[in-house]
Amino acid sequence: MNYYVYILFSPHLNRYYIGSTNNVENRLKKHLSSSKGFTSKAKDWEIKYTETFTTRSEAVQRELQIKKWKSRVMIEKLIKGDL
């Protein structure tokens, strides 16, 4: 089984969301149908980026690394493949 780090974008909020999962499509559906939490503030989330890992711990470690950047510029460079 593979694990993934994913980055979603909401045009409505003009914000990114970073997460990890073992099924990106199912996770996106949950974000779109959620009634609580940060992603419930919009219903237009789009997958902009994914990375694949063989273990859950690797995916979570990468998710935390990206979140620690706290930088929209760095996230957009990652999405564009400039990192």
C-alpha atoms as a PDB file:
ATOM      1  CA  MET A   1       0.000   0.000   0.000  1.00  0.00           C
ATOM      2  CA  ASN A   2       1.213   3.498  -0.836  1.00  0.00           C
ATOM      3  CA  TYR A   3       0.768   6.661   1.188  1.00  0.00           C
ATOM      4  CA  TYR A   4       0.531  10.162  -0.190  1.00  0.00           C
ATOM      5  CA  VAL A   5       1.141  13.761   0.756  1.00  0.00           C
ATOM      6  CA  TYR A   6      -1.297  16.012  -1.065  1.00  0.00           C
ATOM      7  CA  ILE A   7      -1.826  19.717  -1.507  1.00  0.00           C
ATOM      8  CA  LEU A   8      -5.307  21.060  -2.165  1.00  0.00           C
ATOM      9  CA  PHE A   9      -6.211  24.559  -3.306  1.00  0.00           C
ATOM     10  CA  SER A  10      -9.478  26.456  -2.870  1.00  0.00           C
ATOM     11  CA  PRO A  11     -10.012  29.316  -5.354  1.00  0.00           C
ATOM     12  CA  HIS A  12     -12.816  30.616  -3.105  1.00  0.00           C
ATOM     13  CA  LEU A  13     -10.536  30.909  -0.068  1.00  0.00           C
ATOM     14  CA  ASN A  14      -7.360  31.426  -2.110  1.00  0.00           C
ATOM     15  CA  ARG A  15      -5.681  29.023   0.343  1.00  0.00           C
ATOM     16  CA  TYR A  16      -3.750  25.758   0.263  1.00  0.00           C
ATOM     17  CA  TYR A  17      -4.336  22.724   2.465  1.00  0.00           C
ATOM     18  CA  ILE A  18      -1.661  20.064   3.071  1.00  0.00           C
ATOM     19  CA  GLY A  19      -2.455  16.541   4.221  1.00  0.00           C
ATOM     20  CA  SER A  20      -1.502  12.873   3.976  1.00  0.00           C
ATOM     21  CA  THR A  21      -3.547   9.748   3.299  1.00  0.00           C
ATOM     22  CA  ASN A  22      -3.505   6.321   1.674  1.00  0.00           C
ATOM     23  CA  ASN A  23      -6.270   7.274  -0.816  1.00  0.00           C
ATOM     24  CA  VAL A  24      -6.186  10.799  -2.240  1.00  0.00           C
ATOM     25  CA  GLU A  25      -9.477  10.609  -4.175  1.00  0.00           C
ATOM     26  CA  ASN A  26     -11.465   9.378  -1.158  1.00  0.00           C
ATOM     27  CA  ARG A  27      -9.816  11.966   1.066  1.00  0.00           C
ATOM     28  CA  LEU A  28     -10.753  14.757  -1.359  1.00  0.00           C
ATOM     29  CA  LYS A  29     -14.378  13.571  -1.310  1.00  0.00           C
ATOM     30  CA  LYS A  30     -14.333  13.737   2.507  1.00  0.00           C
ATOM     31  CA  HIS A  31     -12.913  17.263   2.430  1.00  0.00           C
ATOM     32  CA  LEU A  32     -15.593  18.357  -0.042  1.00  0.00           C
ATOM     33  CA  SER A  33     -18.426  16.873   2.039  1.00  0.00           C
ATOM     34  CA  SER A  34     -17.113  17.839   5.488  1.00  0.00           C
ATOM     35  CA  SER A  35     -19.195  20.071   7.741  1.00  0.00           C
ATOM     36  CA  LYS A  36     -16.425  20.843  10.229  1.00  0.00           C
ATOM     37  CA  GLY A  37     -12.770  21.720  10.196  1.00  0.00           C
ATOM     38  CA  PHE A  38     -10.765  24.053   7.989  1.00  0.00           C
ATOM     39  CA  THR A  39     -11.716  22.449   4.665  1.00  0.00           C
ATOM     40  CA  SER A  40     -15.444  22.787   5.416  1.00  0.00           C
ATOM     41  CA  LYS A  41     -15.099  26.536   4.741  1.00  0.00           C
ATOM     42  CA  ALA A  42     -15.107  25.860   0.967  1.00  0.00           C
ATOM     43  CA  LYS A  43     -16.483  23.259  -1.418  1.00  0.00           C
ATOM     44  CA  ASP A  44     -14.157  23.942  -4.356  1.00  0.00           C
ATOM     45  CA  TRP A  45     -10.979  22.131  -3.239  1.00  0.00           C
ATOM     46  CA  GLU A  46      -8.786  20.872  -6.094  1.00  0.00           C
ATOM     47  CA  ILE A  47      -5.806  18.511  -5.924  1.00  0.00           C
ATOM     48  CA  LYS A  48      -2.742  20.492  -6.999  1.00  0.00           C
ATOM     49  CA  TYR A  49       0.089  18.169  -5.951  1.00  0.00           C
ATOM     50  CA  THR A  50       0.815  14.672  -4.648  1.00  0.00           C
ATOM     51  CA  GLU A  51       3.922  12.759  -3.555  1.00  0.00           C
ATOM     52  CA  THR A  52       3.987   8.985  -3.050  1.00  0.00           C
ATOM     53  CA  PHE A  53       5.642   7.137  -0.150  1.00  0.00           C
ATOM     54  CA  THR A  54       5.904   3.486   0.840  1.00  0.00           C
ATOM     55  CA  THR A  55       5.225   4.042   4.539  1.00  0.00           C
ATOM     56  CA  ARG A  56       2.756   6.162   6.476  1.00  0.00           C
ATOM     57  CA  SER A  57       5.533   7.577   8.660  1.00  0.00           C
ATOM     58  CA  GLU A  58       7.428   8.878   5.595  1.00  0.00           C
ATOM     59  CA  ALA A  59       4.282  10.579   4.292  1.00  0.00           C
ATOM     60  CA  VAL A  60       3.499  12.174   7.671  1.00  0.00           C
ATOM     61  CA  GLN A  61       7.109  13.322   8.046  1.00  0.00           C
ATOM     62  CA  ARG A  62       6.987  14.992   4.597  1.00  0.00           C
ATOM     63  CA  GLU A  63       3.569  16.552   5.368  1.00  0.00           C
ATOM     64  CA  LEU A  64       4.989  18.127   8.538  1.00  0.00           C
ATOM     65  CA  GLN A  65       8.092  19.319   6.674  1.00  0.00           C
ATOM     66  CA  ILE A  66       5.961  21.159   4.097  1.00  0.00           C
ATOM     67  CA  LYS A  67       3.700  22.617   6.795  1.00  0.00           C
ATOM     68  CA  LYS A  68       6.743  23.934   8.709  1.00  0.00           C
ATOM     69  CA  TRP A  69       7.704  26.027   5.673  1.00  0.00           C
ATOM     70  CA  LYS A  70       4.684  28.285   6.370  1.00  0.00           C
ATOM     71  CA  SER A  71       5.389  29.734   2.951  1.00  0.00           C
ATOM     72  CA  ARG A  72       2.942  30.061   0.067  1.00  0.00           C
ATOM     73  CA  VAL A  73       5.896  30.820  -2.236  1.00  0.00           C
ATOM     74  CA  MET A  74       7.634  27.541  -1.319  1.00  0.00           C
ATOM     75  CA  ILE A  75       4.397  25.558  -1.722  1.00  0.00           C
ATOM     76  CA  GLU A  76       3.806  27.084  -5.159  1.00  0.00           C
ATOM     77  CA  LYS A  77       7.411  26.334  -6.175  1.00  0.00           C
ATOM     78  CA  LEU A  78       6.897  22.713  -5.086  1.00  0.00           C
ATOM     79  CA  ILE A  79       3.684  22.455  -7.129  1.00  0.00           C
ATOM     80  CA  LYS A  80       5.423  23.933 -10.198  1.00  0.00           C
ATOM     81  CA  GLY A  81       8.367  21.561  -9.792  1.00  0.00           C
ATOM     82  CA  ASP A  82      10.843  24.360  -9.085  1.00  0.00           C
ATOM     83  CA  LEU A  83      12.196  22.815  -5.863  1.00  0.00           C
END
